[in-house]
PDB file of N, CA and C in Angstrom:
ATOM      1  N   MET A   1       1.030  -1.256  -0.114  1.00  0.00           N
ATOM      2  CA  MET A   1       0.051  -0.142   0.101  1.00  0.00           C
ATOM      3  C   MET A   1       1.097   1.236  -0.215  1.00  0.00           C
ATOM      4  N   VAL A   2       1.829   1.426   0.801  1.00  0.00           N
ATOM      5  CA  VAL A   2       2.590   2.477   0.934  1.00  0.00           C
ATOM      6  C   VAL A   2       3.197   2.579  -0.561  1.00  0.00           C
ATOM      7  N   TRP A   3       3.964   1.850  -1.069  1.00  0.00           N
ATOM      8  CA  TRP A   3       4.388   1.965  -2.546  1.00  0.00           C
ATOM      9  C   TRP A   3       3.343   2.679  -3.349  1.00  0.00           C
ATOM     10  N   GLN A   4       2.013   2.489  -3.090  1.00  0.00           N
ATOM     11  CA  GLN A   4       0.941   2.774  -4.388  1.00  0.00           C
ATOM     12  C   GLN A   4       0.674   4.306  -3.780  1.00  0.00           C
ATOM     13  N   ALA A   5       0.769   4.867  -2.640  1.00  0.00           N
ATOM     14  CA  ALA A   5       0.740   6.346  -2.033  1.00  0.00           C
ATOM     15  C   ALA A   5       0.996   7.247  -3.323  1.00  0.00           C
ATOM     16  N   PRO A   6       2.125   7.034  -3.863  1.00  0.00           N
ATOM     17  CA  PRO A   6       2.100   8.334  -4.758  1.00  0.00           C
ATOM     18  C   PRO A   6       0.963   8.580  -5.954  1.00  0.00           C
ATOM     19  N   VAL A   7       0.655   7.226  -6.157  1.00  0.00           N
ATOM     20  CA  VAL A   7      -0.743   6.815  -7.288  1.00  0.00           C
ATOM     21  C   VAL A   7      -2.028   7.468  -6.742  1.00  0.00           C
ATOM     22  N   ILE A   8      -2.330   7.185  -5.280  1.00  0.00           N
ATOM     23  CA  ILE A   8      -3.711   6.965  -5.004  1.00  0.00           C
ATOM     24  C   ILE A   8      -3.767   8.416  -4.322  1.00  0.00           C
ATOM     25  N   LEU A   9      -2.913   9.217  -3.839  1.00  0.00           N
ATOM     26  CA  LEU A   9      -3.301  10.687  -3.169  1.00  0.00           C
ATOM     27  C   LEU A   9      -3.570  11.429  -4.191  1.00  0.00           C
ATOM     28  N   PRO A  10      -2.754  11.675  -5.305  1.00  0.00           N
ATOM     29  CA  PRO A  10      -3.385  12.689  -5.998  1.00  0.00           C
ATOM     30  C   PRO A  10      -4.625  12.327  -6.865  1.00  0.00           C
ATOM     31  N   GLU A  11      -5.391  11.125  -6.980  1.00  0.00           N
ATOM     32  CA  GLU A  11      -6.611  10.517  -7.364  1.00  0.00           C
ATOM     33  C   GLU A  11      -7.703  11.381  -6.252  1.00  0.00           C
ATOM     34  N   ALA A  12      -7.070  10.953  -4.895  1.00  0.00           N
ATOM     35  CA  ALA A  12      -8.044  11.144  -3.835  1.00  0.00           C
ATOM     36  C   ALA A  12      -8.131  12.758  -3.452  1.00  0.00           C
ATOM     37  N   ALA A  13      -7.227  13.267  -3.817  1.00  0.00           N
ATOM     38  CA  ALA A  13      -7.059  14.745  -3.739  1.00  0.00           C
ATOM     39  C   ALA A  13      -8.485  15.636  -4.502  1.00  0.00           C
ATOM     40  N   PHE A  14      -8.008  15.028  -5.844  1.00  0.00           N
ATOM     41  CA  PHE A  14      -8.991  15.204  -7.133  1.00  0.00           C
ATOM     42  C   PHE A  14     -10.508  14.945  -6.695  1.00  0.00           C
ATOM     43  N   GLU A  15     -10.381  13.739  -6.292  1.00  0.00           N
ATOM     44  CA  GLU A  15     -11.983  13.284  -5.747  1.00  0.00           C
ATOM     45  C   GLU A  15     -12.840  14.039  -4.657  1.00  0.00           C
ATOM     46  N   ALA A  16     -11.826  14.918  -3.853  1.00  0.00           N
ATOM     47  CA  ALA A  16     -12.299  15.149  -2.599  1.00  0.00           C
ATOM     48  C   ALA A  16     -12.901  16.955  -3.126  1.00  0.00           C
ATOM     49  N   LEU A  17     -12.173  17.529  -4.233  1.00  0.00           N
ATOM     50  CA  LEU A  17     -12.091  19.176  -4.480  1.00  0.00           C
ATOM     51  C   LEU A  17     -13.365  18.796  -5.463  1.00  0.00           C
ATOM     52  N   LEU A  18     -13.317  17.713  -6.364  1.00  0.00           N
ATOM     53  CA  LEU A  18     -14.541  17.573  -7.159  1.00  0.00           C
ATOM     54  C   LEU A  18     -16.087  17.186  -6.075  1.00  0.00           C
ATOM     55  N   ALA A  19     -15.702  16.612  -5.198  1.00  0.00           N
ATOM     56  CA  ALA A  19     -16.797  16.515  -4.357  1.00  0.00           C
ATOM     57  C   ALA A  19     -17.317  17.664  -3.533  1.00  0.00           C
ATOM     58  N   ALA A  20     -16.462  18.698  -2.996  1.00  0.00           N
ATOM     59  CA  ALA A  20     -16.528  19.543  -2.708  1.00  0.00           C
ATOM     60  C   ALA A  20     -17.356  20.554  -3.426  1.00  0.00           C
ATOM     61  N   GLY A  21     -16.895  20.677  -4.345  1.00  0.00           N
ATOM     62  CA  GLY A  21     -17.800  21.612  -5.690  1.00  0.00           C
ATOM     63  C   GLY A  21     -18.749  21.139  -5.990  1.00  0.00           C
ATOM     64  N   LEU A  22     -19.326  19.887  -6.282  1.00  0.00           N
ATOM     65  CA  LEU A  22     -20.422  19.322  -6.310  1.00  0.00           C
ATOM     66  C   LEU A  22     -21.255  19.636  -5.113  1.00  0.00           C
ATOM     67  N   VAL A  23     -20.584  19.326  -3.889  1.00  0.00           N
ATOM     68  CA  VAL A  23     -22.080  19.939  -2.498  1.00  0.00           C
ATOM     69  C   VAL A  23     -22.361  21.377  -2.559  1.00  0.00           C
ATOM     70  N   LYS A  24     -21.601  22.194  -3.153  1.00  0.00           N
ATOM     71  CA  LYS A  24     -21.954  23.664  -3.382  1.00  0.00           C
ATOM     72  C   LYS A  24     -23.058  23.653  -4.037  1.00  0.00           C
ATOM     73  N   ALA A  25     -22.737  23.330  -5.267  1.00  0.00           N
ATOM     74  CA  ALA A  25     -23.836  23.194  -6.422  1.00  0.00           C
ATOM     75  C   ALA A  25     -25.018  22.841  -6.231  1.00  0.00           C
ATOM     76  N   ALA A  26     -25.328  21.300  -5.452  1.00  0.00           N
ATOM     77  CA  ALA A  26     -26.530  20.887  -5.006  1.00  0.00           C
ATOM     78  C   ALA A  26     -27.015  21.633  -3.568  1.00  0.00           C
ATOM     79  N   ARG A  27     -26.271  22.170  -3.008  1.00  0.00           N
ATOM     80  CA  ARG A  27     -26.844  22.868  -2.027  1.00  0.00           C
ATOM     81  C   ARG A  27     -27.360  24.258  -2.550  1.00  0.00           C
ATOM     82  N   ARG A  28     -27.164  24.784  -3.592  1.00  0.00           N
ATOM     83  CA  ARG A  28     -27.457  26.133  -4.356  1.00  0.00           C
ATOM     84  C   ARG A  28     -28.907  25.748  -4.895  1.00  0.00           C
ATOM     85  N   SER A  29     -28.629  24.259  -5.841  1.00  0.00           N
ATOM     86  CA  SER A  29     -29.771  23.932  -6.480  1.00  0.00           C
ATOM     87  C   SER A  29     -30.888  23.692  -5.416  1.00  0.00           C
ATOM     88  N   GLU A  30     -31.039  22.974  -4.212  1.00  0.00           N
ATOM     89  CA  GLU A  30     -31.595  22.826  -3.556  1.00  0.00           C
ATOM     90  C   GLU A  30     -32.513  24.213  -2.861  1.00  0.00           C
ATOM     91  N   ALA A  31     -31.712  25.180  -2.896  1.00  0.00           N
ATOM     92  CA  ALA A  31     -32.303  26.428  -2.471  1.00  0.00           C
ATOM     93  C   ALA A  31     -33.305  26.911  -2.949  1.00  0.00           C
ATOM     94  N   ARG A  32     -32.978  26.822  -4.527  1.00  0.00           N
ATOM     95  CA  ARG A  32     -33.883  27.516  -5.477  1.00  0.00           C
ATOM     96  C   ARG A  32     -34.829  26.681  -6.025  1.00  0.00           C
ATOM     97  N   GLY A  33     -34.649  25.021  -5.588  1.00  0.00           N
ATOM     98  CA  GLY A  33     -35.828  24.253  -6.298  1.00  0.00           C
ATOM     99  C   GLY A  33     -35.185  23.597  -7.581  1.00  0.00           C
ATOM    100  N   TRP A  34     -35.825  22.324  -7.374  1.00  0.00           N
ATOM    101  CA  TRP A  34     -35.239  21.508  -8.806  1.00  0.00           C
ATOM    102  C   TRP A  34     -36.120  21.650  -9.856  1.00  0.00           C
ATOM    103  N   THR A  35     -37.132  21.970  -9.776  1.00  0.00           N
ATOM    104  CA  THR A  35     -38.207  22.017 -10.848  1.00  0.00           C
ATOM    105  C   THR A  35     -37.694  23.069 -12.080  1.00  0.00           C
ATOM    106  N   ARG A  36     -37.436  24.096 -11.846  1.00  0.00           N
ATOM    107  CA  ARG A  36     -37.010  24.983 -12.494  1.00  0.00           C
ATOM    108  C   ARG A  36     -35.891  24.766 -13.292  1.00  0.00           C
ATOM    109  N   GLY A  37     -34.679  24.100 -12.857  1.00  0.00           N
ATOM    110  CA  GLY A  37     -33.617  23.777 -13.440  1.00  0.00           C
ATOM    111  C   GLY A  37     -33.971  22.615 -14.554  1.00  0.00           C
ATOM    112  N   VAL A  38     -34.945  21.482 -14.220  1.00  0.00           N
ATOM    113  CA  VAL A  38     -35.028  20.301 -14.934  1.00  0.00           C
ATOM    114  C   VAL A  38     -35.965  20.960 -15.891  1.00  0.00           C
ATOM    115  N   LEU A  39     -36.913  21.642 -15.721  1.00  0.00           N
ATOM    116  CA  LEU A  39     -37.571  22.430 -16.937  1.00  0.00           C
ATOM    117  C   LEU A  39     -36.603  23.505 -17.760  1.00  0.00           C
ATOM    118  N   LYS A  40     -36.022  24.237 -17.533  1.00  0.00           N
ATOM    119  CA  LYS A  40     -35.012  25.039 -17.892  1.00  0.00           C
ATOM    120  C   LYS A  40     -34.162  24.009 -19.184  1.00  0.00           C
ATOM    121  N   SER A  41     -33.699  23.127 -18.271  1.00  0.00           N
ATOM    122  CA  SER A  41     -32.836  22.205 -19.197  1.00  0.00           C
ATOM    123  C   SER A  41     -33.728  21.321 -20.709  1.00  0.00           C
ATOM    124  N   THR A  42     -34.617  20.823 -20.165  1.00  0.00           N
ATOM    125  CA  THR A  42     -35.632  20.001 -20.795  1.00  0.00           C
ATOM    126  C   THR A  42     -36.523  20.664 -22.152  1.00  0.00           C
ATOM    127  N   VAL A  43     -36.884  21.923 -21.932  1.00  0.00           N
ATOM    128  CA  VAL A  43     -37.842  22.611 -22.785  1.00  0.00           C
ATOM    129  C   VAL A  43     -37.186  22.626 -24.267  1.00  0.00           C
ATOM    130  N   ILE A  44     -36.188  23.061 -24.369  1.00  0.00           N
ATOM    131  CA  ILE A  44     -35.599  23.015 -25.977  1.00  0.00           C
ATOM    132  C   ILE A  44     -35.583  21.665 -26.419  1.00  0.00           C
ATOM    133  N   PRO A  45     -35.023  20.804 -25.977  1.00  0.00           N
ATOM    134  CA  PRO A  45     -35.042  19.445 -26.518  1.00  0.00           C
ATOM    135  C   PRO A  45     -36.301  18.620 -26.653  1.00  0.00           C
ATOM    136  N   PHE A  46     -37.469  19.188 -25.865  1.00  0.00           N
ATOM    137  CA  PHE A  46     -38.887  18.418 -25.653  1.00  0.00           C
ATOM    138  C   PHE A  46     -39.306  19.215 -26.866  1.00  0.00           C
ATOM    139  N   ALA A  47     -38.979  20.665 -27.294  1.00  0.00           N
ATOM    140  CA  ALA A  47     -39.669  21.273 -28.205  1.00  0.00           C
ATOM    141  C   ALA A  47     -39.118  20.703 -29.633  1.00  0.00           C
ATOM    142  N   LEU A  48     -38.035  20.621 -29.789  1.00  0.00           N
ATOM    143  CA  LEU A  48     -37.396  19.862 -30.799  1.00  0.00           C
ATOM    144  C   LEU A  48     -37.884  18.517 -31.384  1.00  0.00           C
ATOM    145  N   VAL A  49     -37.980  17.441 -30.264  1.00  0.00           N
ATOM    146  CA  VAL A  49     -38.346  16.337 -30.554  1.00  0.00           C
ATOM    147  C   VAL A  49     -40.157  16.501 -30.657  1.00  0.00           C
ATOM    148  N   LEU A  50     -40.786  17.388 -30.408  1.00  0.00           N
ATOM    149  CA  LEU A  50     -42.101  17.542 -30.672  1.00  0.00           C
ATOM    150  C   LEU A  50     -42.356  18.161 -32.203  1.00  0.00           C
ATOM    151  N   ALA A  51     -41.258  19.211 -32.052  1.00  0.00           N
ATOM    152  CA  ALA A  51     -41.440  19.606 -33.791  1.00  0.00           C
ATOM    153  C   ALA A  51     -40.877  18.663 -34.691  1.00  0.00           C
ATOM    154  N   ALA A  52     -40.312  17.320 -34.514  1.00  0.00           N
ATOM    155  CA  ALA A  52     -39.672  16.780 -35.626  1.00  0.00           C
ATOM    156  C   ALA A  52     -40.681  15.634 -35.435  1.00  0.00           C
ATOM    157  N   ALA A  53     -41.369  15.074 -34.399  1.00  0.00           N
ATOM    158  CA  ALA A  53     -42.311  14.366 -34.466  1.00  0.00           C
ATOM    159  C   ALA A  53     -43.704  14.675 -35.300  1.00  0.00           C
ATOM    160  N   SER A  54     -43.887  15.562 -35.023  1.00  0.00           N
ATOM    161  CA  SER A  54     -45.514  16.259 -35.650  1.00  0.00           C
ATOM    162  C   SER A  54     -45.149  16.558 -37.301  1.00  0.00           C
ATOM    163  N   PHE A  55     -44.077  17.072 -37.769  1.00  0.00           N
ATOM    164  CA  PHE A  55     -43.688  17.082 -39.077  1.00  0.00           C
ATOM    165  C   PHE A  55     -43.637  15.800 -39.828  1.00  0.00           C
ATOM    166  N   ALA A  56     -43.106  14.743 -38.783  1.00  0.00           N
ATOM    167  CA  ALA A  56     -43.003  13.323 -39.563  1.00  0.00           C
ATOM    168  C   ALA A  56     -44.512  12.743 -39.677  1.00  0.00           C
ATOM    169  N   GLY A  57     -44.934  13.082 -38.875  1.00  0.00           N
ATOM    170  CA  GLY A  57     -46.669  12.245 -38.523  1.00  0.00           C
ATOM    171  C   GLY A  57     -47.117  13.321 -39.763  1.00  0.00           C
ATOM    172  N   TRP A  58     -47.118  14.668 -39.979  1.00  0.00           N
ATOM    173  CA  TRP A  58     -47.866  15.232 -41.186  1.00  0.00           C
ATOM    174  C   TRP A  58     -47.367  14.834 -42.785  1.00  0.00           C
ATOM    175  N   ALA A  59     -46.082  14.686 -42.889  1.00  0.00           N
ATOM    176  CA  ALA A  59     -45.492  14.241 -43.932  1.00  0.00           C
ATOM    177  C   ALA A  59     -46.014  12.718 -44.245  1.00  0.00           C
ATOM    178  N   ALA A  60     -45.959  11.957 -43.621  1.00  0.00           N
ATOM    179  CA  ALA A  60     -46.680  10.532 -43.543  1.00  0.00           C
ATOM    180  C   ALA A  60     -48.117  10.552 -43.885  1.00  0.00           C
ATOM    181  N   GLN A  61     -48.628  11.554 -43.171  1.00  0.00           N
ATOM    182  CA  GLN A  61     -50.253  10.991 -43.790  1.00  0.00           C
ATOM    183  C   GLN A  61     -50.467  12.099 -45.126  1.00  0.00           C
ATOM    184  N   ARG A  62     -49.510  12.992 -45.477  1.00  0.00           N
ATOM    185  CA  ARG A  62     -49.747  13.581 -46.650  1.00  0.00           C
ATOM    186  C   ARG A  62     -49.292  12.525 -47.947  1.00  0.00           C
ATOM    187  N   ALA A  63     -48.177  11.675 -47.515  1.00  0.00           N
ATOM    188  CA  ALA A  63     -47.703  10.758 -48.650  1.00  0.00           C
ATOM    189  C   ALA A  63     -48.412   9.651 -48.437  1.00  0.00           C
ATOM    190  N   CYS A  64     -49.080   9.338 -47.544  1.00  0.00           N
ATOM    191  CA  CYS A  64     -49.285   7.989 -47.636  1.00  0.00           C
ATOM    192  C   CYS A  64     -50.949   7.905 -46.517  1.00  0.00           C
ATOM    193  N   PRO A  65     -51.848   8.487 -47.207  1.00  0.00           N
ATOM    194  CA  PRO A  65     -53.127   8.506 -45.886  1.00  0.00           C
ATOM    195  C   PRO A  65     -53.911   7.243 -45.564  1.00  0.00           C
ATOM    196  N   GLN A  66     -53.366   6.076 -46.062  1.00  0.00           N
ATOM    197  CA  GLN A  66     -54.288   5.126 -45.734  1.00  0.00           C
ATOM    198  C   GLN A  66     -53.452   4.260 -44.338  1.00  0.00           C
ATOM    199  N   ALA A  67     -52.135   4.806 -44.426  1.00  0.00           N
ATOM    200  CA  ALA A  67     -51.077   4.361 -43.224  1.00  0.00           C
ATOM    201  C   ALA A  67     -51.927   4.436 -41.876  1.00  0.00           C
ATOM    202  N   VAL A  68     -51.646   3.469 -41.190  1.00  0.00           N
ATOM    203  CA  VAL A  68     -52.085   3.774 -39.583  1.00  0.00           C
ATOM    204  C   VAL A  68     -50.992   4.200 -38.868  1.00  0.00           C
ATOM    205  N   ARG A  69     -49.937   3.438 -39.266  1.00  0.00           N
ATOM    206  CA  ARG A  69     -48.423   3.780 -38.275  1.00  0.00           C
ATOM    207  C   ARG A  69     -47.789   4.134 -39.168  1.00  0.00           C
ATOM    208  N   LEU A  70     -46.626   4.967 -38.811  1.00  0.00           N
ATOM    209  CA  LEU A  70     -45.213   5.443 -39.453  1.00  0.00           C
ATOM    210  C   LEU A  70     -44.600   4.278 -39.967  1.00  0.00           C
ATOM    211  N   THR A  71     -44.545   3.211 -39.443  1.00  0.00           N
ATOM    212  CA  THR A  71     -44.061   1.973 -40.227  1.00  0.00           C
ATOM    213  C   THR A  71     -44.619   1.658 -41.504  1.00  0.00           C
ATOM    214  N   ASP A  72     -45.925   1.688 -41.409  1.00  0.00           N
ATOM    215  CA  ASP A  72     -46.667   1.583 -42.493  1.00  0.00           C
ATOM    216  C   ASP A  72     -46.588   2.187 -43.733  1.00  0.00           C
ATOM    217  N   ALA A  73     -46.479   3.743 -43.532  1.00  0.00           N
ATOM    218  CA  ALA A  73     -46.116   4.765 -44.316  1.00  0.00           C
ATOM    219  C   ALA A  73     -44.963   4.486 -45.029  1.00  0.00           C
ATOM    220  N   MET A  74     -43.979   4.383 -44.330  1.00  0.00           N
ATOM    221  CA  MET A  74     -42.500   3.840 -44.803  1.00  0.00           C
ATOM    222  C   MET A  74     -42.790   2.432 -45.688  1.00  0.00           C
ATOM    223  N   ARG A  75     -43.498   1.459 -45.601  1.00  0.00           N
ATOM    224  CA  ARG A  75     -43.538   0.152 -45.807  1.00  0.00           C
ATOM    225  C   ARG A  75     -44.239   0.397 -47.113  1.00  0.00           C
ATOM    226  N   LEU A  76     -45.522   0.879 -46.910  1.00  0.00           N
ATOM    227  CA  LEU A  76     -46.382   1.088 -48.065  1.00  0.00           C
ATOM    228  C   LEU A  76     -46.561   2.108 -49.136  1.00  0.00           C
ATOM    229  N   CYS A  77     -46.110   2.786 -48.893  1.00  0.00           N
ATOM    230  CA  CYS A  77     -45.826   4.369 -49.446  1.00  0.00           C
ATOM    231  C   CYS A  77     -44.073   4.717 -49.965  1.00  0.00           C
ATOM    232  N   ARG A  78     -44.308   4.561 -51.213  1.00  0.00           N
ATOM    233  CA  ARG A  78     -42.893   5.127 -51.807  1.00  0.00           C
ATOM    234  C   ARG A  78     -42.811   6.515 -51.709  1.00  0.00           C
ATOM    235  N   GLY A  79     -41.864   7.418 -52.012  1.00  0.00           N
ATOM    236  CA  GLY A  79     -41.705   8.730 -52.113  1.00  0.00           C
ATOM    237  C   GLY A  79     -42.094   9.087 -53.717  1.00  0.00           C
ATOM    238  N   ASP A  80     -42.220   8.017 -54.610  1.00  0.00           N
ATOM    239  CA  ASP A  80     -42.115   8.775 -56.189  1.00  0.00           C
ATOM    240  C   ASP A  80     -43.680   8.380 -56.658  1.00  0.00           C
ATOM    241  N   GLY A  81     -44.720   8.083 -55.535  1.00  0.00           N
ATOM    242  CA  GLY A  81     -45.928   8.429 -55.443  1.00  0.00           C
ATOM    243  C   GLY A  81     -46.843   6.943 -55.718  1.00  0.00           C
ATOM    244  N   GLN A  82     -45.952   5.911 -56.097  1.00  0.00           N
ATOM    245  CA  GLN A  82     -46.625   4.823 -56.241  1.00  0.00           C
ATOM    246  C   GLN A  82     -47.128   4.172 -54.752  1.00  0.00           C
ATOM    247  N   HIS A  83     -48.461   3.961 -54.694  1.00  0.00           N
ATOM    248  CA  HIS A  83     -48.995   2.999 -53.279  1.00  0.00           C
ATOM    249  C   HIS A  83     -49.090   1.533 -53.650  1.00  0.00           C
ATOM    250  N   ARG A  84     -48.636   1.008 -52.553  1.00  0.00           N
ATOM    251  CA  ARG A  84     -48.970  -0.483 -52.627  1.00  0.00           C
ATOM    252  C   ARG A  84     -49.970  -0.877 -51.402  1.00  0.00           C
ATOM    253  N   GLU A  85     -50.483  -2.227 -51.829  1.00  0.00           N
ATOM    254  CA  GLU A  85     -51.213  -2.236 -50.662  1.00  0.00           C
ATOM    255  C   GLU A  85     -50.379  -3.024 -49.367  1.00  0.00           C
ATOM    256  N   PRO A  86     -51.173  -3.015 -48.489  1.00  0.00           N
ATOM    257  CA  PRO A  86     -50.632  -3.500 -47.017  1.00  0.00           C
ATOM    258  C   PRO A  86     -50.537  -5.358 -47.410  1.00  0.00           C
ATOM    259  N   ALA A  87     -49.306  -5.911 -46.847  1.00  0.00           N
ATOM    260  CA  ALA A  87     -48.939  -7.171 -47.024  1.00  0.00           C
ATOM    261  C   ALA A  87     -49.944  -7.856 -45.779  1.00  0.00           C
ATOM    262  N   ARG A  88     -50.755  -8.758 -46.491  1.00  0.00           N
ATOM    263  CA  ARG A  88     -51.702  -9.743 -45.395  1.00  0.00           C
ATOM    264  C   ARG A  88     -51.066 -10.792 -44.440  1.00  0.00           C
ATOM    265  N   ALA A  89     -51.713 -11.042 -43.441  1.00  0.00           N
ATOM    266  CA  ALA A  89     -51.043 -11.536 -42.287  1.00  0.00           C
ATOM    267  C   ALA A  89     -51.334 -13.123 -42.902  1.00  0.00           C
ATOM    268  N   ALA A  90     -50.494 -14.227 -42.364  1.00  0.00           N
ATOM    269  CA  ALA A  90     -50.603 -15.551 -42.922  1.00  0.00           C
ATOM    270  C   ALA A  90     -52.115 -15.954 -42.420  1.00  0.00           C
ATOM    271  N   SER A  91     -52.805 -15.552 -41.419  1.00  0.00           N
ATOM    272  CA  SER A  91     -54.155 -15.632 -41.058  1.00  0.00           C
ATOM    273  C   SER A  91     -55.372 -15.352 -42.253  1.00  0.00           C
ATOM    274  N   ASP A  92     -55.018 -14.540 -42.727  1.00  0.00           N
ATOM    275  CA  ASP A  92     -55.862 -13.729 -43.424  1.00  0.00           C
ATOM    276  C   ASP A  92     -55.630 -14.430 -44.887  1.00  0.00           C
ATOM    277  N   ARG A  93     -54.847 -15.226 -45.375  1.00  0.00           N
ATOM    278  CA  ARG A  93     -54.216 -15.718 -46.737  1.00  0.00           C
ATOM    279  C   ARG A  93     -55.595 -17.188 -46.899  1.00  0.00           C
ATOM    280  N   ARG A  94     -55.696 -17.493 -46.137  1.00  0.00           N
ATOM    281  CA  ARG A  94     -57.001 -18.687 -46.042  1.00  0.00           C
ATOM    282  C   ARG A  94     -57.942 -18.385 -46.527  1.00  0.00           C
TER     283      ARG A  94
END
């Protein structure tokens, strides 16, 4: 253990300083409340995902109105305007 001290001590000192800094930040965030921080951090990504999903749904509905799911629209309708009928399940073929 003694011969490992030069390797262990700098790492332990770094971790102690890091923990002290994180404790200060955690106390400040507790005083302000965590909900504001969470909302502030997630509102832009949420808006981007919502916009992308809305656009994908709109485009799929416009390109392939008979599709029920996005995978149906991708599988059934081509971008060149050709529409294909959905594949029937094995139980429907009888």
